[in-house]
Structure formats: structure tokens, C-alpha cells
Amino acid sequence: MSTISKKLEQIEKLKRELSEEKEKIEHALGKEVINQFELDHASLTKNEIRDFVKNLKDFYELMNEDQTSGVSSTDSSSRG
């Protein structure tokens, strides 16, 4: 029984470590976005942050679509 308890403790410890690492990454990403876009984070509201992230996501998806379509059109023209 003590072996099971030790394993459960190890699992809980790993879960905490993963959660802490995720928080560090999210913090670093947020900080980098704020720095790169020169945002005044002190005056941003939650709605402005949500809108900014949505716009950033839309732009990111658009860029990925452009790259995907660019690759496929290049591939098809080089084959023909």
C-alpha cells in the first residue's frame, strides 16, 4: 500500500510541476507579446485583451492559409 501512496504522491508532484511550467510559459508568452506590440498593459481592459488576441489569432490563421495555399500552388506548378 505504501508503494501506491508513493506513486500517487509522485503523480501529484508531476501534475504540480507541469502546471507551474505551463504558467511560466504563458507568462513569458504574454510578456513577449506585450513587449513586441508595445502595449500599455496597465490600461488594457479584459475586453480589449480578448479582442486583441482574437485579431491576432485571425491574422495568424490567415497567414497559415496563405502559406498553405502558396505551397500547394507552387507544388502544382512545378509538377505541370
PDB file of N, CA and C in Angstrom:
ATOM      1  N   MET A   1       0.814  -1.190   0.000  1.00  0.00           N
ATOM      2  CA  MET A   1       0.000   0.000   0.000  1.00  0.00           C
ATOM      3  C   MET A   1       0.859   1.255   0.000  1.00  0.00           C
ATOM      4  N   SER A   2       1.977   1.238   0.671  1.00  0.00           N
ATOM      5  CA  SER A   2       2.828   2.422   0.711  1.00  0.00           C
ATOM      6  C   SER A   2       3.430   2.720  -0.665  1.00  0.00           C
ATOM      7  N   THR A   3       3.642   1.674  -1.475  1.00  0.00           N
ATOM      8  CA  THR A   3       4.148   1.875  -2.834  1.00  0.00           C
ATOM      9  C   THR A   3       3.136   2.646  -3.665  1.00  0.00           C
ATOM     10  N   ILE A   4       1.881   2.307  -3.517  1.00  0.00           N
ATOM     11  CA  ILE A   4       0.822   3.017  -4.246  1.00  0.00           C
ATOM     12  C   ILE A   4       0.756   4.472  -3.789  1.00  0.00           C
ATOM     13  N   SER A   5       0.853   4.685  -2.511  1.00  0.00           N
ATOM     14  CA  SER A   5       0.824   6.049  -1.962  1.00  0.00           C
ATOM     15  C   SER A   5       1.981   6.876  -2.502  1.00  0.00           C
ATOM     16  N   LYS A   6       3.156   6.271  -2.554  1.00  0.00           N
ATOM     17  CA  LYS A   6       4.325   6.983  -3.076  1.00  0.00           C
ATOM     18  C   LYS A   6       4.137   7.323  -4.550  1.00  0.00           C
ATOM     19  N   LYS A   7       3.586   6.373  -5.303  1.00  0.00           N
ATOM     20  CA  LYS A   7       3.343   6.619  -6.732  1.00  0.00           C
ATOM     21  C   LYS A   7       2.330   7.744  -6.924  1.00  0.00           C
ATOM     22  N   LEU A   8       1.276   7.743  -6.107  1.00  0.00           N
ATOM     23  CA  LEU A   8       0.272   8.804  -6.184  1.00  0.00           C
ATOM     24  C   LEU A   8       0.877  10.167  -5.842  1.00  0.00           C
ATOM     25  N   GLU A   9       1.745  10.189  -4.849  1.00  0.00           N
ATOM     26  CA  GLU A   9       2.436  11.432  -4.496  1.00  0.00           C
ATOM     27  C   GLU A   9       3.306  11.916  -5.653  1.00  0.00           C
ATOM     28  N   GLN A  10       3.996  10.983  -6.311  1.00  0.00           N
ATOM     29  CA  GLN A  10       4.834  11.336  -7.455  1.00  0.00           C
ATOM     30  C   GLN A  10       3.987  11.907  -8.586  1.00  0.00           C
ATOM     31  N   ILE A  11       2.836  11.293  -8.814  1.00  0.00           N
ATOM     32  CA  ILE A  11       1.935  11.782  -9.866  1.00  0.00           C
ATOM     33  C   ILE A  11       1.456  13.190  -9.543  1.00  0.00           C
ATOM     34  N   GLU A  12       1.063  13.412  -8.307  1.00  0.00           N
ATOM     35  CA  GLU A  12       0.601  14.745  -7.896  1.00  0.00           C
ATOM     36  C   GLU A  12       1.720  15.773  -8.024  1.00  0.00           C
ATOM     37  N   LYS A  13       2.924  15.379  -7.674  1.00  0.00           N
ATOM     38  CA  LYS A  13       4.066  16.273  -7.799  1.00  0.00           C
ATOM     39  C   LYS A  13       4.300  16.632  -9.265  1.00  0.00           C
ATOM     40  N   LEU A  14       4.228  15.638 -10.150  1.00  0.00           N
ATOM     41  CA  LEU A  14       4.400  15.881 -11.585  1.00  0.00           C
ATOM     42  C   LEU A  14       3.304  16.791 -12.123  1.00  0.00           C
ATOM     43  N   LYS A  15       2.083  16.600 -11.668  1.00  0.00           N
ATOM     44  CA  LYS A  15       0.981  17.456 -12.094  1.00  0.00           C
ATOM     45  C   LYS A  15       1.242  18.907 -11.698  1.00  0.00           C
ATOM     46  N   ARG A  16       1.722  19.107 -10.454  1.00  0.00           N
ATOM     47  CA  ARG A  16       2.038  20.468  -9.993  1.00  0.00           C
ATOM     48  C   ARG A  16       3.159  21.076 -10.829  1.00  0.00           C
ATOM     49  N   GLU A  17       4.191  20.285 -11.094  1.00  0.00           N
ATOM     50  CA  GLU A  17       5.322  20.777 -11.874  1.00  0.00           C
ATOM     51  C   GLU A  17       4.891  21.162 -13.292  1.00  0.00           C
ATOM     52  N   LEU A  18       4.041  20.331 -13.896  1.00  0.00           N
ATOM     53  CA  LEU A  18       3.526  20.637 -15.231  1.00  0.00           C
ATOM     54  C   LEU A  18       2.698  21.916 -15.221  1.00  0.00           C
ATOM     55  N   SER A  19       1.877  22.064 -14.214  1.00  0.00           N
ATOM     56  CA  SER A  19       1.048  23.252 -14.091  1.00  0.00           C
ATOM     57  C   SER A  19       1.910  24.510 -13.922  1.00  0.00           C
ATOM     58  N   GLU A  20       2.935  24.407 -13.090  1.00  0.00           N
ATOM     59  CA  GLU A  20       3.844  25.539 -12.881  1.00  0.00           C
ATOM     60  C   GLU A  20       4.583  25.892 -14.171  1.00  0.00           C
ATOM     61  N   GLU A  21       5.026  24.881 -14.899  1.00  0.00           N
ATOM     62  CA  GLU A  21       5.738  25.123 -16.159  1.00  0.00           C
ATOM     63  C   GLU A  21       4.818  25.774 -17.175  1.00  0.00           C
ATOM     64  N   LYS A  22       3.574  25.316 -17.238  1.00  0.00           N
ATOM     65  CA  LYS A  22       2.597  25.911 -18.144  1.00  0.00           C
ATOM     66  C   LYS A  22       2.390  27.385 -17.806  1.00  0.00           C
ATOM     67  N   GLU A  23       2.273  27.698 -16.519  1.00  0.00           N
ATOM     68  CA  GLU A  23       2.099  29.086 -16.093  1.00  0.00           C
ATOM     69  C   GLU A  23       3.303  29.937 -16.488  1.00  0.00           C
ATOM     70  N   LYS A  24       4.505  29.391 -16.337  1.00  0.00           N
ATOM     71  CA  LYS A  24       5.723  30.119 -16.722  1.00  0.00           C
ATOM     72  C   LYS A  24       5.707  30.438 -18.212  1.00  0.00           C
ATOM     73  N   ILE A  25       5.324  29.447 -19.030  1.00  0.00           N
ATOM     74  CA  ILE A  25       5.290  29.633 -20.479  1.00  0.00           C
ATOM     75  C   ILE A  25       4.243  30.671 -20.855  1.00  0.00           C
ATOM     76  N   GLU A  26       3.060  30.571 -20.259  1.00  0.00           N
ATOM     77  CA  GLU A  26       2.003  31.537 -20.542  1.00  0.00           C
ATOM     78  C   GLU A  26       2.430  32.945 -20.139  1.00  0.00           C
ATOM     79  N   HIS A  27       3.080  33.062 -19.012  1.00  0.00           N
ATOM     80  CA  HIS A  27       3.561  34.367 -18.549  1.00  0.00           C
ATOM     81  C   HIS A  27       4.607  34.929 -19.517  1.00  0.00           C
ATOM     82  N   ALA A  28       5.542  34.091 -19.909  1.00  0.00           N
ATOM     83  CA  ALA A  28       6.602  34.539 -20.817  1.00  0.00           C
ATOM     84  C   ALA A  28       6.024  34.938 -22.172  1.00  0.00           C
ATOM     85  N   LEU A  29       5.060  34.157 -22.663  1.00  0.00           N
ATOM     86  CA  LEU A  29       4.426  34.473 -23.941  1.00  0.00           C
ATOM     87  C   LEU A  29       3.690  35.808 -23.859  1.00  0.00           C
ATOM     88  N   GLY A  30       2.907  35.973 -22.796  1.00  0.00           N
ATOM     89  CA  GLY A  30       2.184  37.227 -22.615  1.00  0.00           C
ATOM     90  C   GLY A  30       3.122  38.412 -22.521  1.00  0.00           C
ATOM     91  N   LYS A  31       4.185  38.261 -21.782  1.00  0.00           N
ATOM     92  CA  LYS A  31       5.168  39.337 -21.624  1.00  0.00           C
ATOM     93  C   LYS A  31       5.810  39.693 -22.966  1.00  0.00           C
ATOM     94  N   GLU A  32       6.144  38.667 -23.747  1.00  0.00           N
ATOM     95  CA  GLU A  32       6.766  38.900 -25.056  1.00  0.00           C
ATOM     96  C   GLU A  32       5.804  39.601 -26.006  1.00  0.00           C
ATOM     97  N   VAL A  33       4.528  39.188 -26.001  1.00  0.00           N
ATOM     98  CA  VAL A  33       3.521  39.833 -26.853  1.00  0.00           C
ATOM     99  C   VAL A  33       3.379  41.307 -26.463  1.00  0.00           C
ATOM    100  N   ILE A  34       3.296  41.559 -25.161  1.00  0.00           N
ATOM    101  CA  ILE A  34       3.176  42.943 -24.682  1.00  0.00           C
ATOM    102  C   ILE A  34       4.380  43.764 -25.129  1.00  0.00           C
ATOM    103  N   ASN A  35       5.572  43.212 -25.013  1.00  0.00           N
ATOM    104  CA  ASN A  35       6.787  43.932 -25.406  1.00  0.00           C
ATOM    105  C   ASN A  35       6.848  44.167 -26.912  1.00  0.00           C
ATOM    106  N   GLN A  36       6.591  43.128 -27.699  1.00  0.00           N
ATOM    107  CA  GLN A  36       6.708  43.237 -29.147  1.00  0.00           C
ATOM    108  C   GLN A  36       5.686  44.195 -29.746  1.00  0.00           C
ATOM    109  N   PHE A  37       4.486  44.224 -29.184  1.00  0.00           N
ATOM    110  CA  PHE A  37       3.444  45.106 -29.699  1.00  0.00           C
ATOM    111  C   PHE A  37       3.422  46.454 -28.979  1.00  0.00           C
ATOM    112  N   GLU A  38       4.346  46.616 -28.042  1.00  0.00           N
ATOM    113  CA  GLU A  38       4.460  47.852 -27.268  1.00  0.00           C
ATOM    114  C   GLU A  38       3.106  48.268 -26.683  1.00  0.00           C
ATOM    115  N   LEU A  39       2.449  47.288 -26.047  1.00  0.00           N
ATOM    116  CA  LEU A  39       1.141  47.519 -25.456  1.00  0.00           C
ATOM    117  C   LEU A  39       1.296  48.147 -24.070  1.00  0.00           C
ATOM    118  N   ASP A  40       0.361  49.029 -23.751  1.00  0.00           N
ATOM    119  CA  ASP A  40       0.316  49.594 -22.405  1.00  0.00           C
ATOM    120  C   ASP A  40      -0.580  48.685 -21.579  1.00  0.00           C
ATOM    121  N   HIS A  41       0.007  47.656 -21.008  1.00  0.00           N
ATOM    122  CA  HIS A  41      -0.781  46.646 -20.307  1.00  0.00           C
ATOM    123  C   HIS A  41      -1.497  47.195 -19.085  1.00  0.00           C
ATOM    124  N   ALA A  42      -1.056  48.318 -18.588  1.00  0.00           N
ATOM    125  CA  ALA A  42      -1.707  48.907 -17.416  1.00  0.00           C
ATOM    126  C   ALA A  42      -3.094  49.440 -17.743  1.00  0.00           C
ATOM    127  N   SER A  43      -3.311  49.813 -19.003  1.00  0.00           N
ATOM    128  CA  SER A  43      -4.596  50.408 -19.354  1.00  0.00           C
ATOM    129  C   SER A  43      -5.502  49.477 -20.161  1.00  0.00           C
ATOM    130  N   LEU A  44      -5.043  48.258 -20.446  1.00  0.00           N
ATOM    131  CA  LEU A  44      -5.859  47.325 -21.223  1.00  0.00           C
ATOM    132  C   LEU A  44      -6.988  46.747 -20.373  1.00  0.00           C
ATOM    133  N   THR A  45      -8.171  46.717 -20.951  1.00  0.00           N
ATOM    134  CA  THR A  45      -9.287  46.064 -20.278  1.00  0.00           C
ATOM    135  C   THR A  45      -9.348  44.607 -20.725  1.00  0.00           C
ATOM    136  N   LYS A  46     -10.130  43.797 -20.020  1.00  0.00           N
ATOM    137  CA  LYS A  46     -10.266  42.395 -20.402  1.00  0.00           C
ATOM    138  C   LYS A  46     -10.851  42.265 -21.806  1.00  0.00           C
ATOM    139  N   ASN A  47     -11.809  43.116 -22.142  1.00  0.00           N
ATOM    140  CA  ASN A  47     -12.400  43.068 -23.485  1.00  0.00           C
ATOM    141  C   ASN A  47     -11.387  43.445 -24.551  1.00  0.00           C
ATOM    142  N   GLU A  48     -10.553  44.451 -24.277  1.00  0.00           N
ATOM    143  CA  GLU A  48      -9.523  44.838 -25.244  1.00  0.00           C
ATOM    144  C   GLU A  48      -8.508  43.714 -25.432  1.00  0.00           C
ATOM    145  N   ILE A  49      -8.155  43.057 -24.355  1.00  0.00           N
ATOM    146  CA  ILE A  49      -7.220  41.936 -24.446  1.00  0.00           C
ATOM    147  C   ILE A  49      -7.842  40.819 -25.268  1.00  0.00           C
ATOM    148  N   ARG A  50      -9.103  40.497 -24.993  1.00  0.00           N
ATOM    149  CA  ARG A  50      -9.806  39.445 -25.729  1.00  0.00           C
ATOM    150  C   ARG A  50      -9.876  39.782 -27.213  1.00  0.00           C
ATOM    151  N   ASP A  51     -10.234  41.037 -27.537  1.00  0.00           N
ATOM    152  CA  ASP A  51     -10.314  41.463 -28.934  1.00  0.00           C
ATOM    153  C   ASP A  51      -8.945  41.406 -29.609  1.00  0.00           C
ATOM    154  N   PHE A  52      -7.910  41.850 -28.903  1.00  0.00           N
ATOM    155  CA  PHE A  52      -6.558  41.827 -29.453  1.00  0.00           C
ATOM    156  C   PHE A  52      -6.134  40.403 -29.774  1.00  0.00           C
ATOM    157  N   VAL A  53      -6.377  39.495 -28.845  1.00  0.00           N
ATOM    158  CA  VAL A  53      -5.983  38.100 -29.052  1.00  0.00           C
ATOM    159  C   VAL A  53      -6.778  37.480 -30.192  1.00  0.00           C
ATOM    160  N   LYS A  54      -8.065  37.794 -30.279  1.00  0.00           N
ATOM    161  CA  LYS A  54      -8.879  37.270 -31.373  1.00  0.00           C
ATOM    162  C   LYS A  54      -8.339  37.772 -32.710  1.00  0.00           C
ATOM    163  N   ASN A  55      -8.011  39.066 -32.791  1.00  0.00           N
ATOM    164  CA  ASN A  55      -7.451  39.613 -34.027  1.00  0.00           C
ATOM    165  C   ASN A  55      -6.113  38.976 -34.357  1.00  0.00           C
ATOM    166  N   LEU A  56      -5.299  38.766 -33.357  1.00  0.00           N
ATOM    167  CA  LEU A  56      -4.001  38.125 -33.557  1.00  0.00           C
ATOM    168  C   LEU A  56      -4.187  36.695 -34.063  1.00  0.00           C
ATOM    169  N   LYS A  57      -5.145  35.984 -33.487  1.00  0.00           N
ATOM    170  CA  LYS A  57      -5.450  34.610 -33.913  1.00  0.00           C
ATOM    171  C   LYS A  57      -5.941  34.596 -35.354  1.00  0.00           C
ATOM    172  N   ASP A  58      -6.855  35.513 -35.692  1.00  0.00           N
ATOM    173  CA  ASP A  58      -7.369  35.585 -37.058  1.00  0.00           C
ATOM    174  C   ASP A  58      -6.238  35.855 -38.045  1.00  0.00           C
ATOM    175  N   PHE A  59      -5.341  36.781 -37.700  1.00  0.00           N
ATOM    176  CA  PHE A  59      -4.211  37.099 -38.563  1.00  0.00           C
ATOM    177  C   PHE A  59      -3.295  35.882 -38.718  1.00  0.00           C
ATOM    178  N   TYR A  60      -3.042  35.193 -37.608  1.00  0.00           N
ATOM    179  CA  TYR A  60      -2.193  34.003 -37.633  1.00  0.00           C
ATOM    180  C   TYR A  60      -2.788  32.928 -38.547  1.00  0.00           C
ATOM    181  N   GLU A  61      -4.094  32.705 -38.418  1.00  0.00           N
ATOM    182  CA  GLU A  61      -4.760  31.711 -39.264  1.00  0.00           C
ATOM    183  C   GLU A  61      -4.715  32.126 -40.729  1.00  0.00           C
ATOM    184  N   LEU A  62      -4.895  33.399 -41.012  1.00  0.00           N
ATOM    185  CA  LEU A  62      -4.825  33.910 -42.374  1.00  0.00           C
ATOM    186  C   LEU A  62      -3.427  33.704 -42.961  1.00  0.00           C
ATOM    187  N   MET A  63      -2.412  33.974 -42.164  1.00  0.00           N
ATOM    188  CA  MET A  63      -1.031  33.769 -42.629  1.00  0.00           C
ATOM    189  C   MET A  63      -0.772  32.296 -42.921  1.00  0.00           C
ATOM    190  N   ASN A  64      -1.292  31.417 -42.074  1.00  0.00           N
ATOM    191  CA  ASN A  64      -1.117  29.977 -42.303  1.00  0.00           C
ATOM    192  C   ASN A  64      -1.839  29.532 -43.561  1.00  0.00           C
ATOM    193  N   GLU A  65      -3.030  30.076 -43.816  1.00  0.00           N
ATOM    194  CA  GLU A  65      -3.753  29.743 -45.039  1.00  0.00           C
ATOM    195  C   GLU A  65      -2.975  30.201 -46.264  1.00  0.00           C
ATOM    196  N   ASP A  66      -2.402  31.404 -46.188  1.00  0.00           N
ATOM    197  CA  ASP A  66      -1.611  31.920 -47.304  1.00  0.00           C
ATOM    198  C   ASP A  66      -0.400  31.034 -47.566  1.00  0.00           C
ATOM    199  N   GLN A  67       0.274  30.608 -46.507  1.00  0.00           N
ATOM    200  CA  GLN A  67       1.444  29.751 -46.672  1.00  0.00           C
ATOM    201  C   GLN A  67       1.050  28.398 -47.231  1.00  0.00           C
ATOM    202  N   THR A  68      -0.057  27.859 -46.752  1.00  0.00           N
ATOM    203  CA  THR A  68      -0.524  26.555 -47.228  1.00  0.00           C
ATOM    204  C   THR A  68      -0.916  26.636 -48.695  1.00  0.00           C
ATOM    205  N   SER A  69      -1.668  27.663 -49.060  1.00  0.00           N
ATOM    206  CA  SER A  69      -2.086  27.788 -50.453  1.00  0.00           C
ATOM    207  C   SER A  69      -0.893  28.128 -51.345  1.00  0.00           C
ATOM    208  N   GLY A  70       0.057  28.866 -50.829  1.00  0.00           N
ATOM    209  CA  GLY A  70       1.259  29.186 -51.593  1.00  0.00           C
ATOM    210  C   GLY A  70       2.079  27.965 -51.880  1.00  0.00           C
ATOM    211  N   VAL A  71       2.188  27.079 -50.916  1.00  0.00           N
ATOM    212  CA  VAL A  71       2.956  25.843 -51.082  1.00  0.00           C
ATOM    213  C   VAL A  71       2.272  24.939 -52.087  1.00  0.00           C
ATOM    214  N   SER A  72       0.954  24.802 -51.976  1.00  0.00           N
ATOM    215  CA  SER A  72       0.259  23.877 -52.873  1.00  0.00           C
ATOM    216  C   SER A  72       0.267  24.402 -54.309  1.00  0.00           C
ATOM    217  N   SER A  73       0.160  25.711 -54.486  1.00  0.00           N
ATOM    218  CA  SER A  73       0.185  26.237 -55.867  1.00  0.00           C
ATOM    219  C   SER A  73       1.582  26.118 -56.457  1.00  0.00           C
ATOM    220  N   THR A  74       2.609  26.272 -55.652  1.00  0.00           N
ATOM    221  CA  THR A  74       3.985  26.098 -56.129  1.00  0.00           C
ATOM    222  C   THR A  74       4.219  24.652 -56.512  1.00  0.00           C
ATOM    223  N   ASP A  75       3.722  23.740 -55.672  1.00  0.00           N
ATOM    224  CA  ASP A  75       3.903  22.323 -55.949  1.00  0.00           C
ATOM    225  C   ASP A  75       3.211  21.934 -57.251  1.00  0.00           C
ATOM    226  N   SER A  76       1.992  22.393 -57.457  1.00  0.00           N
ATOM    227  CA  SER A  76       1.253  22.002 -58.650  1.00  0.00           C
ATOM    228  C   SER A  76       1.859  22.611 -59.910  1.00  0.00           C
ATOM    229  N   SER A  77       2.413  23.826 -59.815  1.00  0.00           N
ATOM    230  CA  SER A  77       3.003  24.442 -60.998  1.00  0.00           C
ATOM    231  C   SER A  77       4.329  23.786 -61.357  1.00  0.00           C
ATOM    232  N   SER A  78       5.050  23.303 -60.360  1.00  0.00           N
ATOM    233  CA  SER A  78       6.341  22.666 -60.662  1.00  0.00           C
ATOM    234  C   SER A  78       6.163  21.255 -61.210  1.00  0.00           C
ATOM    235  N   ARG A  79       5.001  20.674 -60.937  1.00  0.00           N
ATOM    236  CA  ARG A  79       4.738  19.326 -61.460  1.00  0.00           C
ATOM    237  C   ARG A  79       4.250  19.356 -62.895  1.00  0.00           C
ATOM    238  N   GLY A  80       3.549  20.465 -63.255  1.00  0.00           N
ATOM    239  CA  GLY A  80       2.898  20.515 -64.561  1.00  0.00           C
ATOM    240  C   GLY A  80       3.820  20.753 -65.639  1.00  0.00           C
TER     241      GLY A  80
END
